[in-house]
Amino acid sequence: MSRHIIDTSKQAAEGPRVKRFVELQRREGIHPNLRALNKRSHGESLSRVTQYLRIERNETA
């Protein structure tokens, strides 16, 4: 049985350029925008998630 055209193995990105890029990104650290996003309050979005989970579990308020 022959393989389908989309049944190909995925190649890992292990070239020297990719390794250098990853090394540079690790040296630079976390981008300031990511730090700002992590500091944001999760107030309303977190409460929505808890409500959705409550509904999913068929619990009443």
Protein backbone atom coordinates (compact mmCIF):
# COMPACT_ATOMS: atom_id res chain seq x y z
CA MET A 1 0.00 0.00 0.00
CA SER A 2 1.49 3.33 -0.97
CA ARG A 3 1.57 6.34 1.30
CA HIS A 4 -0.70 9.30 0.83
CA ILE A 5 0.90 12.54 -0.32
CA ILE A 6 0.28 14.23 3.04
CA ASP A 7 1.71 11.31 5.01
CA THR A 8 5.22 12.67 5.22
CA SER A 9 7.45 12.78 8.23
CA LYS A 10 8.01 16.24 9.64
CA GLN A 11 11.58 17.37 9.61
CA ALA A 12 12.94 18.89 12.80
CA ALA A 13 14.37 22.37 12.49
CA GLU A 14 17.94 21.60 13.52
CA GLY A 15 19.99 23.59 11.05
CA PRO A 16 22.82 25.88 12.12
CA ARG A 17 20.78 29.01 11.36
CA VAL A 18 17.90 27.82 13.55
CA LYS A 19 20.27 26.93 16.39
CA ARG A 20 21.87 30.38 16.18
CA PHE A 21 18.48 32.09 16.14
CA VAL A 22 17.30 30.16 19.21
CA GLU A 23 20.55 30.94 21.02
CA LEU A 24 20.14 34.67 20.34
CA GLN A 25 16.51 34.63 21.44
CA ARG A 26 17.44 32.93 24.71
CA ARG A 27 20.15 35.51 25.40
CA GLU A 28 17.75 38.40 24.84
CA GLY A 29 15.33 37.09 27.43
CA ILE A 30 11.62 37.73 27.59
CA HIS A 31 10.22 40.49 25.41
CA PRO A 32 8.79 43.44 27.41
CA ASN A 33 5.37 42.99 25.79
CA LEU A 34 5.19 39.41 27.06
CA ARG A 35 6.05 40.60 30.56
CA ALA A 36 3.24 43.17 30.37
CA LEU A 37 0.76 40.51 29.22
CA ASN A 38 1.74 38.24 32.09
CA LYS A 39 1.19 41.04 34.61
CA ARG A 40 -2.34 41.79 33.39
CA SER A 41 -5.23 40.93 35.61
CA HIS A 42 -7.14 37.78 34.77
CA GLY A 43 -10.22 38.97 36.65
CA GLU A 44 -13.13 38.78 34.22
CA SER A 45 -11.68 36.19 31.85
CA LEU A 46 -10.86 33.86 34.74
CA SER A 47 -14.36 34.19 36.15
CA ARG A 48 -15.80 33.35 32.72
CA VAL A 49 -13.69 30.21 32.56
CA THR A 50 -14.88 29.11 35.97
CA GLN A 51 -18.50 29.73 34.94
CA TYR A 52 -18.03 27.72 31.74
CA LEU A 53 -16.50 24.87 33.73
CA ARG A 54 -19.38 24.98 36.20
CA ILE A 55 -21.89 24.77 33.34
CA GLU A 56 -19.92 21.95 31.72
CA ARG A 57 -20.08 19.95 34.95
CA ASN A 58 -23.84 20.58 35.17
CA GLU A 59 -23.49 22.33 38.52
CA THR A 60 -25.93 24.96 39.74
CA ALA A 61 -24.92 28.33 41.14
